[in-house]
C-alpha atoms as a PDB file:
ATOM      1  CA  MET A   1      92.861  91.211 119.891  1.00  0.00           C
ATOM      2  CA  SER A   2      96.349  89.632 120.463  1.00  0.00           C
ATOM      3  CA  VAL A   3      95.827  87.279 117.545  1.00  0.00           C
ATOM      4  CA  ASP A   4      94.864  90.240 115.360  1.00  0.00           C
ATOM      5  CA  ARG A   5      97.918  92.212 116.515  1.00  0.00           C
ATOM      6  CA  THR A   6     100.246  89.305 115.996  1.00  0.00           C
ATOM      7  CA  GLY A   7      98.840  88.703 112.509  1.00  0.00           C
ATOM      8  CA  PHE A   8      99.055  92.441 111.696  1.00  0.00           C
ATOM      9  CA  TYR A   9     102.804  92.572 112.581  1.00  0.00           C
ATOM     10  CA  ALA A  10     103.514  89.361 110.739  1.00  0.00           C
ATOM     11  CA  LEU A  11     101.902  90.658 107.570  1.00  0.00           C
ATOM     12  CA  LEU A  12     103.588  94.006 108.037  1.00  0.00           C
ATOM     13  CA  LYS A  13     106.997  92.291 108.423  1.00  0.00           C
ATOM     14  CA  ARG A  14     106.392  90.159 105.327  1.00  0.00           C
ATOM     15  CA  GLU A  15     105.520  93.093 103.225  1.00  0.00           C
ATOM     16  CA  VAL A  16     108.477  95.195 104.424  1.00  0.00           C
ATOM     17  CA  LEU A  17     110.937  92.341 103.887  1.00  0.00           C
ATOM     18  CA  ARG A  18     109.500  91.862 100.344  1.00  0.00           C
ATOM     19  CA  PHE A  19     111.025  95.099  99.193  1.00  0.00           C
ATOM     20  CA  VAL A  20     113.976  95.224 101.541  1.00  0.00           C
ATOM     21  CA  ARG A  21     115.319  91.976 100.219  1.00  0.00           C
ATOM     22  CA  ARG A  22     115.245  93.250  96.597  1.00  0.00           C
ATOM     23  CA  PRO A  23     117.284  96.515  96.798  1.00  0.00           C
ATOM     24  CA  ARG A  24     118.138  96.290  93.143  1.00  0.00           C
ATOM     25  CA  ASN A  25     114.460  96.682  92.291  1.00  0.00           C
ATOM     26  CA  THR A  26     113.566  98.946  95.137  1.00  0.00           C
ATOM     27  CA  PHE A  27     116.389 101.418  95.823  1.00  0.00           C
ATOM     28  CA  VAL A  28     118.844 101.316  92.936  1.00  0.00           C
ATOM     29  CA  PRO A  29     116.355 102.709  90.224  1.00  0.00           C
ATOM     30  CA  PRO A  30     115.349 105.810  92.231  1.00  0.00           C
ATOM     31  CA  PHE A  31     118.999 106.388  93.149  1.00  0.00           C
ATOM     32  CA  ILE A  32     120.081 106.460  89.469  1.00  0.00           C
ATOM     33  CA  THR A  33     117.021 108.432  88.424  1.00  0.00           C
ATOM     34  CA  ASN A  34     117.489 111.163  90.949  1.00  0.00           C
ATOM     35  CA  VAL A  35     121.250 111.439  90.308  1.00  0.00           C
ATOM     36  CA  LEU A  36     120.167 112.260  86.725  1.00  0.00           C
ATOM     37  CA  TYR A  37     117.475 114.660  87.864  1.00  0.00           C
ATOM     38  CA  PHE A  38     119.890 116.618  90.046  1.00  0.00           C
ATOM     39  CA  SER A  39     122.585 116.585  87.441  1.00  0.00           C
ATOM     40  CA  VAL A  40     120.391 117.789  84.577  1.00  0.00           C
ATOM     41  CA  PHE A  41     117.747 119.909  86.204  1.00  0.00           C
ATOM     42  CA  GLY A  42     119.654 121.050  89.252  1.00  0.00           C
ATOM     43  CA  VAL A  43     123.157 121.623  88.016  1.00  0.00           C
ATOM     44  CA  ILE A  44     122.846 122.300  84.286  1.00  0.00           C
ATOM     45  CA  LEU A  45     119.569 124.245  84.294  1.00  0.00           C
ATOM     46  CA  GLY A  46     120.124 125.556  87.710  1.00  0.00           C
ATOM     47  CA  GLU A  47     123.090 127.641  86.445  1.00  0.00           C
ATOM     48  CA  ARG A  48     120.707 129.414  84.037  1.00  0.00           C
ATOM     49  CA  ILE A  49     117.652 129.716  86.262  1.00  0.00           C
ATOM     50  CA  ASN A  50     119.567 130.683  89.412  1.00  0.00           C
ATOM     51  CA  GLU A  51     116.788 131.307  91.932  1.00  0.00           C
ATOM     52  CA  ILE A  52     112.973 130.924  92.384  1.00  0.00           C
ATOM     53  CA  SER A  53     111.330 132.837  95.150  1.00  0.00           C
ATOM     54  CA  GLY A  54     114.760 133.649  96.570  1.00  0.00           C
ATOM     55  CA  VAL A  55     115.710 130.028  96.737  1.00  0.00           C
ATOM     56  CA  PRO A  56     118.566 128.424  94.630  1.00  0.00           C
ATOM     57  CA  TYR A  57     116.890 126.395  91.846  1.00  0.00           C
ATOM     58  CA  ILE A  58     118.499 123.046  92.789  1.00  0.00           C
ATOM     59  CA  LEU A  59     117.281 123.449  96.353  1.00  0.00           C
ATOM     60  CA  PHE A  60     113.838 124.600  95.138  1.00  0.00           C
ATOM     61  CA  ILE A  61     113.301 121.287  93.146  1.00  0.00           C
ATOM     62  CA  LEU A  62     114.607 119.039  95.915  1.00  0.00           C
ATOM     63  CA  PRO A  63     111.246 118.778  97.872  1.00  0.00           C
ATOM     64  CA  GLY A  64     109.429 117.978  94.704  1.00  0.00           C
ATOM     65  CA  LEU A  65     111.795 115.195  93.739  1.00  0.00           C
ATOM     66  CA  ILE A  66     111.479 113.785  97.215  1.00  0.00           C
ATOM     67  CA  VAL A  67     107.683 113.745  96.860  1.00  0.00           C
ATOM     68  CA  LEU A  68     107.989 112.126  93.434  1.00  0.00           C
ATOM     69  CA  GLY A  69     110.158 109.351  94.712  1.00  0.00           C
ATOM     70  CA  ALA A  70     108.149 108.811  97.878  1.00  0.00           C
ATOM     71  CA  VAL A  71     104.594 108.779  96.413  1.00  0.00           C
ATOM     72  CA  SER A  72     105.652 106.728  93.322  1.00  0.00           C
ATOM     73  CA  ASN A  73     107.210 104.048  95.466  1.00  0.00           C
ATOM     74  CA  ALA A  74     104.364 103.972  97.981  1.00  0.00           C
ATOM     75  CA  PHE A  75     101.825 103.639  95.179  1.00  0.00           C
ATOM     76  CA  GLU A  76     103.848 101.034  93.239  1.00  0.00           C
ATOM     77  CA  ASN A  77     104.584  98.899  96.345  1.00  0.00           C
ATOM     78  CA  ALA A  78     100.943  98.694  97.359  1.00  0.00           C
ATOM     79  CA  SER A  79      99.474  98.236  93.908  1.00  0.00           C
ATOM     80  CA  PHE A  80     102.032  95.542  92.905  1.00  0.00           C
ATOM     81  CA  SER A  81     101.784  93.661  96.157  1.00  0.00           C
ATOM     82  CA  ILE A  82      97.990  93.505  96.063  1.00  0.00           C
ATOM     83  CA  PHE A  83      97.906  92.612  92.336  1.00  0.00           C
ATOM     84  CA  HIS A  84     100.715  90.011  92.591  1.00  0.00           C
ATOM     85  CA  GLY A  85      98.933  88.458  95.543  1.00  0.00           C
ATOM     86  CA  ARG A  86      95.746  88.242  93.476  1.00  0.00           C
ATOM     87  CA  TRP A  87      97.624  86.991  90.346  1.00  0.00           C
ATOM     88  CA  ASN A  88      99.336  84.188  92.196  1.00  0.00           C
ATOM     89  CA  ARG A  89      96.444  83.624  94.589  1.00  0.00           C
ATOM     90  CA  TYR A  90      98.493  83.833  97.793  1.00  0.00           C
ATOM     91  CA  ILE A  91      96.448  86.744  98.968  1.00  0.00           C
ATOM     92  CA  GLU A  92      93.798  84.140  99.855  1.00  0.00           C
ATOM     93  CA  GLU A  93      96.006  83.173 102.760  1.00  0.00           C
ATOM     94  CA  VAL A  94      95.595  86.731 104.164  1.00  0.00           C
ATOM     95  CA  LEU A  95      91.837  86.760 103.532  1.00  0.00           C
ATOM     96  CA  THR A  96      91.282  83.432 105.290  1.00  0.00           C
ATOM     97  CA  SER A  97      93.393  84.430 108.306  1.00  0.00           C
ATOM     98  CA  PRO A  98      91.770  85.653 111.548  1.00  0.00           C
ATOM     99  CA  LEU A  99      92.974  89.213 110.717  1.00  0.00           C
ATOM    100  CA  SER A 100      90.408  92.007 110.646  1.00  0.00           C
ATOM    101  CA  TYR A 101      90.014  93.849 107.427  1.00  0.00           C
ATOM    102  CA  ARG A 102      91.372  96.981 109.101  1.00  0.00           C
ATOM    103  CA  SER A 103      94.555  95.116 109.971  1.00  0.00           C
ATOM    104  CA  MET A 104      94.936  93.717 106.506  1.00  0.00           C
ATOM    105  CA  VAL A 105      94.657  97.149 104.994  1.00  0.00           C
ATOM    106  CA  GLY A 106      96.759  98.733 107.654  1.00  0.00           C
ATOM    107  CA  ALA A 107      99.681  96.289 107.053  1.00  0.00           C
ATOM    108  CA  TYR A 108      99.665  96.891 103.353  1.00  0.00           C
ATOM    109  CA  VAL A 109      99.388 100.662 103.716  1.00  0.00           C
ATOM    110  CA  LEU A 110     102.041 101.051 106.373  1.00  0.00           C
ATOM    111  CA  SER A 111     104.548  98.749 104.618  1.00  0.00           C
ATOM    112  CA  SER A 112     104.125 100.704 101.372  1.00  0.00           C
ATOM    113  CA  ALA A 113     104.331 104.031 103.130  1.00  0.00           C
ATOM    114  CA  THR A 114     107.525 102.811 104.767  1.00  0.00           C
ATOM    115  CA  ARG A 115     109.060 102.117 101.348  1.00  0.00           C
ATOM    116  CA  GLY A 116     107.987 105.556 100.198  1.00  0.00           C
ATOM    117  CA  ILE A 117     109.532 107.357 103.183  1.00  0.00           C
ATOM    118  CA  VAL A 118     112.811 105.379 102.814  1.00  0.00           C
ATOM    119  CA  VAL A 119     113.036 106.349  99.123  1.00  0.00           C
ATOM    120  CA  GLY A 120     112.206 109.944  99.968  1.00  0.00           C
ATOM    121  CA  ALA A 121     115.047 109.919 102.562  1.00  0.00           C
ATOM    122  CA  LEU A 122     117.369 108.408  99.905  1.00  0.00           C
ATOM    123  CA  VAL A 123     116.494 111.277  97.549  1.00  0.00           C
ATOM    124  CA  ALA A 124     117.251 113.743 100.273  1.00  0.00           C
ATOM    125  CA  VAL A 125     120.637 112.202 100.861  1.00  0.00           C
ATOM    126  CA  ILE A 126     121.385 112.314  97.130  1.00  0.00           C
ATOM    127  CA  GLY A 127     120.404 115.959  97.076  1.00  0.00           C
ATOM    128  CA  ALA A 128     122.765 116.695  99.887  1.00  0.00           C
ATOM    129  CA  PHE A 129     125.606 115.852  97.617  1.00  0.00           C
ATOM    130  CA  PHE A 130     124.518 118.555  95.178  1.00  0.00           C
ATOM    131  CA  THR A 131     123.412 121.348  97.503  1.00  0.00           C
ATOM    132  CA  SER A 132     123.161 122.350 101.150  1.00  0.00           C
ATOM    133  CA  VAL A 133     120.047 120.810 102.684  1.00  0.00           C
ATOM    134  CA  GLY A 134     118.434 122.153 105.830  1.00  0.00           C
ATOM    135  CA  VAL A 135     115.091 121.582 107.568  1.00  0.00           C
ATOM    136  CA  ALA A 136     113.272 124.791 108.466  1.00  0.00           C
ATOM    137  CA  ARG A 137     109.990 123.200 109.730  1.00  0.00           C
ATOM    138  CA  PRO A 138     110.631 119.655 111.016  1.00  0.00           C
ATOM    139  CA  PHE A 139     107.094 119.033 112.110  1.00  0.00           C
ATOM    140  CA  TYR A 140     105.574 119.901 108.726  1.00  0.00           C
ATOM    141  CA  LEU A 141     108.239 117.877 106.951  1.00  0.00           C
ATOM    142  CA  VAL A 142     107.489 114.805 108.912  1.00  0.00           C
ATOM    143  CA  ALA A 143     103.722 115.284 108.855  1.00  0.00           C
ATOM    144  CA  PHE A 144     103.517 115.826 105.113  1.00  0.00           C
ATOM    145  CA  MET A 145     105.844 112.950 104.314  1.00  0.00           C
ATOM    146  CA  VAL A 146     103.816 110.572 106.447  1.00  0.00           C
ATOM    147  CA  VAL A 147     100.483 111.726 105.093  1.00  0.00           C
ATOM    148  CA  VAL A 148     101.374 111.769 101.443  1.00  0.00           C
ATOM    149  CA  THR A 149     102.979 108.295 101.492  1.00  0.00           C
ATOM    150  CA  LEU A 150      99.957 106.859 103.468  1.00  0.00           C
ATOM    151  CA  LEU A 151      97.626 108.503 100.916  1.00  0.00           C
ATOM    152  CA  PHE A 152      99.383 107.076  97.869  1.00  0.00           C
ATOM    153  CA  ALA A 153      99.811 103.687  99.494  1.00  0.00           C
ATOM    154  CA  SER A 154      96.020 103.686  99.961  1.00  0.00           C
ATOM    155  CA  PHE A 155      95.483 104.738  96.391  1.00  0.00           C
ATOM    156  CA  GLY A 156      97.915 101.867  95.466  1.00  0.00           C
ATOM    157  CA  ILE A 157      95.599  99.316  97.079  1.00  0.00           C
ATOM    158  CA  VAL A 158      92.735 100.601  94.993  1.00  0.00           C
ATOM    159  CA  GLY A 159      94.849 100.349  91.878  1.00  0.00           C
ATOM    160  CA  GLY A 160      95.958  96.835  92.753  1.00  0.00           C
ATOM    161  CA  LEU A 161      92.398  95.704  93.289  1.00  0.00           C
ATOM    162  CA  TRP A 162      91.213  97.342  90.061  1.00  0.00           C
ATOM    163  CA  ALA A 163      94.026  96.255  87.669  1.00  0.00           C
ATOM    164  CA  ASP A 164      93.348  93.315  85.374  1.00  0.00           C
ATOM    165  CA  ASP A 165      96.967  92.926  84.295  1.00  0.00           C
ATOM    166  CA  PHE A 166     100.494  94.269  84.812  1.00  0.00           C
ATOM    167  CA  ASP A 167      99.970  96.767  81.999  1.00  0.00           C
ATOM    168  CA  ASP A 168      97.268  98.439  84.045  1.00  0.00           C
ATOM    169  CA  LEU A 169      99.782  98.982  86.816  1.00  0.00           C
ATOM    170  CA  THR A 170     102.347 100.564  84.472  1.00  0.00           C
ATOM    171  CA  MET A 171      99.608 102.758  82.970  1.00  0.00           C
ATOM    172  CA  MET A 172      98.518 104.138  86.336  1.00  0.00           C
ATOM    173  CA  ASN A 173     102.078 104.967  87.456  1.00  0.00           C
ATOM    174  CA  GLN A 174     103.326 106.311  84.159  1.00  0.00           C
ATOM    175  CA  PHE A 175     100.289 108.056  82.649  1.00  0.00           C
ATOM    176  CA  ILE A 176      98.396 109.203  85.806  1.00  0.00           C
ATOM    177  CA  LEU A 177     100.665 109.525  88.745  1.00  0.00           C
ATOM    178  CA  ARG A 178     103.834 110.953  87.199  1.00  0.00           C
ATOM    179  CA  PRO A 179     102.086 113.620  85.088  1.00  0.00           C
ATOM    180  CA  LEU A 180     100.321 114.845  88.136  1.00  0.00           C
ATOM    181  CA  VAL A 181     103.630 115.122  89.918  1.00  0.00           C
ATOM    182  CA  PHE A 182     105.421 116.875  87.078  1.00  0.00           C
ATOM    183  CA  PHE A 183     102.583 119.398  86.778  1.00  0.00           C
ATOM    184  CA  GLY A 184     102.533 119.738  90.559  1.00  0.00           C
ATOM    185  CA  GLY A 185     105.053 122.550  90.866  1.00  0.00           C
ATOM    186  CA  VAL A 186     108.107 120.386  91.142  1.00  0.00           C
ATOM    187  CA  PHE A 187     110.206 122.202  88.632  1.00  0.00           C
ATOM    188  CA  TYR A 188     108.575 125.628  88.575  1.00  0.00           C
ATOM    189  CA  SER A 189     106.815 128.189  90.749  1.00  0.00           C
ATOM    190  CA  LEU A 190     103.097 128.840  90.511  1.00  0.00           C
ATOM    191  CA  ASN A 191     103.818 132.521  90.483  1.00  0.00           C
ATOM    192  CA  GLU A 192     105.500 132.101  87.020  1.00  0.00           C
ATOM    193  CA  LEU A 193     102.256 130.814  85.506  1.00  0.00           C
ATOM    194  CA  PRO A 194      99.532 132.965  83.821  1.00  0.00           C
ATOM    195  CA  THR A 195      96.564 133.486  86.138  1.00  0.00           C
ATOM    196  CA  LEU A 196      94.286 130.963  84.382  1.00  0.00           C
ATOM    197  CA  LEU A 197      96.890 128.203  84.419  1.00  0.00           C
ATOM    198  CA  ARG A 198      97.686 128.981  88.070  1.00  0.00           C
ATOM    199  CA  GLN A 199      94.051 128.584  89.007  1.00  0.00           C
ATOM    200  CA  VAL A 200      93.766 125.273  87.010  1.00  0.00           C
ATOM    201  CA  SER A 201      96.985 124.027  88.726  1.00  0.00           C
ATOM    202  CA  LEU A 202      95.366 124.453  92.127  1.00  0.00           C
ATOM    203  CA  LEU A 203      93.043 121.599  91.208  1.00  0.00           C
ATOM    204  CA  ASN A 204      96.113 119.302  91.175  1.00  0.00           C
ATOM    205  CA  PRO A 205      96.501 117.743  94.644  1.00  0.00           C
ATOM    206  CA  MET A 206     100.230 117.394  94.027  1.00  0.00           C
ATOM    207  CA  ILE A 207     100.597 121.171  94.352  1.00  0.00           C
ATOM    208  CA  TYR A 208      99.698 120.993  97.996  1.00  0.00           C
ATOM    209  CA  MET A 209     101.888 117.942  98.680  1.00  0.00           C
ATOM    210  CA  VAL A 210     104.975 119.365  96.949  1.00  0.00           C
ATOM    211  CA  ASN A 211     104.474 122.737  98.663  1.00  0.00           C
ATOM    212  CA  GLY A 212     103.894 121.125 102.033  1.00  0.00           C
ATOM    213  CA  VAL A 213     107.212 119.231 101.879  1.00  0.00           C
ATOM    214  CA  ARG A 214     108.905 122.384 100.490  1.00  0.00           C
ATOM    215  CA  TYR A 215     107.555 124.316 103.467  1.00  0.00           C
ATOM    216  CA  GLY A 216     109.062 121.698 105.809  1.00  0.00           C
ATOM    217  CA  PHE A 217     112.475 121.978 104.116  1.00  0.00           C
ATOM    218  CA  LEU A 218     112.655 125.721 103.224  1.00  0.00           C
ATOM    219  CA  GLY A 219     109.859 127.388 105.195  1.00  0.00           C
ATOM    220  CA  VAL A 220     108.480 128.628 101.761  1.00  0.00           C
ATOM    221  CA  SER A 221     105.109 127.633 100.341  1.00  0.00           C
ATOM    222  CA  GLU A 222     102.765 129.056  97.700  1.00  0.00           C
ATOM    223  CA  VAL A 223      99.681 127.556  99.345  1.00  0.00           C
ATOM    224  CA  ASN A 224      98.443 127.470 102.997  1.00  0.00           C
ATOM    225  CA  ALA A 225     100.422 124.694 104.663  1.00  0.00           C
ATOM    226  CA  ASN A 226      97.993 124.128 107.489  1.00  0.00           C
ATOM    227  CA  LEU A 227      94.983 123.886 105.236  1.00  0.00           C
ATOM    228  CA  SER A 228      96.812 121.584 102.858  1.00  0.00           C
ATOM    229  CA  LEU A 229      97.841 119.221 105.687  1.00  0.00           C
ATOM    230  CA  ALA A 230      94.241 119.108 107.016  1.00  0.00           C
ATOM    231  CA  ILE A 231      92.779 118.369 103.621  1.00  0.00           C
ATOM    232  CA  LEU A 232      95.348 115.707 102.805  1.00  0.00           C
ATOM    233  CA  THR A 233      94.895 114.034 106.196  1.00  0.00           C
ATOM    234  CA  ALA A 234      91.145 113.915 105.706  1.00  0.00           C
ATOM    235  CA  LEU A 235      91.591 112.494 102.248  1.00  0.00           C
ATOM    236  CA  THR A 236      94.025 109.817 103.564  1.00  0.00           C
ATOM    237  CA  LEU A 237      91.469 108.677 106.134  1.00  0.00           C
ATOM    238  CA  ALA A 238      88.778 108.608 103.570  1.00  0.00           C
ATOM    239  CA  VAL A 239      90.723 106.520 101.076  1.00  0.00           C
ATOM    240  CA  THR A 240      91.865 104.141 103.733  1.00  0.00           C
ATOM    241  CA  ALA A 241      88.276 103.666 104.870  1.00  0.00           C
ATOM    242  CA  VAL A 242      87.376 102.900 101.185  1.00  0.00           C
ATOM    243  CA  ASN A 243      90.054 100.242 101.164  1.00  0.00           C
ATOM    244  CA  VAL A 244      88.579  98.565 104.184  1.00  0.00           C
ATOM    245  CA  VAL A 245      85.181  98.585 102.559  1.00  0.00           C
ATOM    246  CA  LEU A 246      86.587  97.116  99.379  1.00  0.00           C
ATOM    247  CA  PHE A 247      88.340  94.319 101.257  1.00  0.00           C
ATOM    248  CA  ARG A 248      85.172  93.609 103.255  1.00  0.00           C
ATOM    249  CA  ARG A 249      83.184  93.319 100.002  1.00  0.00           C
ATOM    250  CA  GLY A 250      85.897  91.291  98.283  1.00  0.00           C
ATOM    251  CA  TYR A 251      86.194  93.624  95.413  1.00  0.00           C
ATOM    252  CA  GLY A 252      88.819  92.356  92.981  1.00  0.00           C
ATOM    253  CA  LEU A 253      89.746  89.682  95.543  1.00  0.00           C
ATOM    254  CA  THR A 254      87.311  86.965  94.572  1.00  0.00           C
ATOM    255  CA  ASP A 255      86.354  85.519  91.187  1.00  0.00           C
END
């Protein structure tokens, strides 16, 4: 057990240092992107939209932008780390170590979720320069941020194992993940949609993530926060379990 624990912390430390040591690639891009988001959507459009559900527009979009930054970076970190390890064959060092498969997956997931949470916090700090930021429900904010970053870090491992080249990683992030986020109620209220579109939107899991974080910040949500948290937690556990099975079977890890 001590060998497994030591190996887990060593792998976790390596994966965390991998993105900490490259801030120009890790933290600068989301910083610039979110300054632009807040400037264009929050300040310029916010002057015309004013309020949504009694909340200033720039404050309304803040939780969604935090989710966008957090899940994108959690997914990207896990998928790239796994794929890069496969591509350069150094993931074999992990596979031949005495680590259990659960520890391997746990280290990759936790390190990627850590990056997501750090980027989410960075977005919140940027938002504080544009509007007054408060936390109405701290428990829900922390719980949703932890769950959604763990979930997308787990999805990132699946993506890293599935991808055949770097273009596949870009495709997953740009053409699957980001559209789900943008149609997940980041910039608009579900109440503004026609009934049919609102019902269809409820099939998008991002709706529950964005509203969950929004509930943590503002105490306002268009879906049931407790039910959303329970479902997302169950989904996170399920996807993580799938990751362990994939590692055990060597899916995408062996020729």
